[in-house]
Amino acid sequence: MQLLQKFLAPEEPKNEEFKGLIFDSIYDRYRGVVAYVRVYEGSLKKGK
């Protein structure tokens, strides 16, 4: 029980502007790598 008391819970990230997950990716012969993304918070912009 003493071992469990030494470890703290992980902290939440300080920057909460974007939260997302790349859940799958494939390689397309004509388009290159295609990533499927789930955005939870924030937004993505082309080129950034």
C-alpha atoms as a PDB file:
ATOM      1  CA  MET A   1       0.000   0.000   0.000  1.00  0.00           C
ATOM      2  CA  GLN A   2       2.904   2.392   0.633  1.00  0.00           C
ATOM      3  CA  LEU A   3       4.096   2.036  -2.979  1.00  0.00           C
ATOM      4  CA  LEU A   4       0.795   3.356  -4.312  1.00  0.00           C
ATOM      5  CA  GLN A   5       1.024   6.465  -2.157  1.00  0.00           C
ATOM      6  CA  LYS A   6       4.318   7.522  -3.799  1.00  0.00           C
ATOM      7  CA  PHE A   7       2.859   7.934  -7.304  1.00  0.00           C
ATOM      8  CA  LEU A   8       0.696  10.914  -8.201  1.00  0.00           C
ATOM      9  CA  ALA A   9      -1.976  11.016 -10.879  1.00  0.00           C
ATOM     10  CA  PRO A  10      -0.831  12.473 -14.223  1.00  0.00           C
ATOM     11  CA  GLU A  11      -1.502  16.173 -14.695  1.00  0.00           C
ATOM     12  CA  GLU A  12      -3.818  17.502 -17.374  1.00  0.00           C
ATOM     13  CA  PRO A  13      -2.089  19.299 -20.250  1.00  0.00           C
ATOM     14  CA  LYS A  14      -1.871  23.056 -19.707  1.00  0.00           C
ATOM     15  CA  ASN A  15      -2.567  23.882 -23.365  1.00  0.00           C
ATOM     16  CA  GLU A  16      -6.202  22.985 -23.994  1.00  0.00           C
ATOM     17  CA  GLU A  17      -6.589  24.649 -27.396  1.00  0.00           C
ATOM     18  CA  PHE A  18      -6.602  21.364 -29.326  1.00  0.00           C
ATOM     19  CA  LYS A  19      -7.439  17.798 -28.412  1.00  0.00           C
ATOM     20  CA  GLY A  20      -7.533  15.134 -31.088  1.00  0.00           C
ATOM     21  CA  LEU A  21      -6.722  11.569 -31.964  1.00  0.00           C
ATOM     22  CA  ILE A  22      -5.332   9.985 -35.128  1.00  0.00           C
ATOM     23  CA  PHE A  23      -7.223   6.699 -35.065  1.00  0.00           C
ATOM     24  CA  ASP A  24      -6.251   5.237 -38.436  1.00  0.00           C
ATOM     25  CA  SER A  25      -4.024   5.900 -41.424  1.00  0.00           C
ATOM     26  CA  ILE A  26      -3.553   4.357 -44.833  1.00  0.00           C
ATOM     27  CA  TYR A  27      -1.230   4.838 -47.789  1.00  0.00           C
ATOM     28  CA  ASP A  28      -2.966   5.734 -51.035  1.00  0.00           C
ATOM     29  CA  ARG A  29      -0.949   5.332 -54.234  1.00  0.00           C
ATOM     30  CA  TYR A  30      -2.230   8.646 -55.636  1.00  0.00           C
ATOM     31  CA  ARG A  31      -2.802  10.817 -52.538  1.00  0.00           C
ATOM     32  CA  GLY A  32      -0.003   9.574 -50.264  1.00  0.00           C
ATOM     33  CA  VAL A  33      -0.628   9.087 -46.546  1.00  0.00           C
ATOM     34  CA  VAL A  34      -4.232   9.607 -45.483  1.00  0.00           C
ATOM     35  CA  ALA A  35      -4.866  10.025 -41.743  1.00  0.00           C
ATOM     36  CA  TYR A  36      -8.293   9.732 -40.139  1.00  0.00           C
ATOM     37  CA  VAL A  37      -8.537  12.172 -37.251  1.00  0.00           C
ATOM     38  CA  ARG A  38     -11.102  12.671 -34.496  1.00  0.00           C
ATOM     39  CA  VAL A  39     -11.079  16.261 -33.185  1.00  0.00           C
ATOM     40  CA  TYR A  40     -12.456  16.621 -29.650  1.00  0.00           C
ATOM     41  CA  GLU A  41     -11.698  20.304 -28.996  1.00  0.00           C
ATOM     42  CA  GLY A  42     -10.267  23.069 -31.145  1.00  0.00           C
ATOM     43  CA  SER A  43      -9.720  23.068 -34.893  1.00  0.00           C
ATOM     44  CA  LEU A  44      -7.134  22.312 -37.565  1.00  0.00           C
ATOM     45  CA  LYS A  45      -6.069  24.615 -40.377  1.00  0.00           C
ATOM     46  CA  LYS A  46      -4.335  23.676 -43.601  1.00  0.00           C
ATOM     47  CA  GLY A  47      -0.584  24.325 -43.440  1.00  0.00           C
ATOM     48  CA  LYS A  48      -0.360  24.661 -39.647  1.00  0.00           C
END
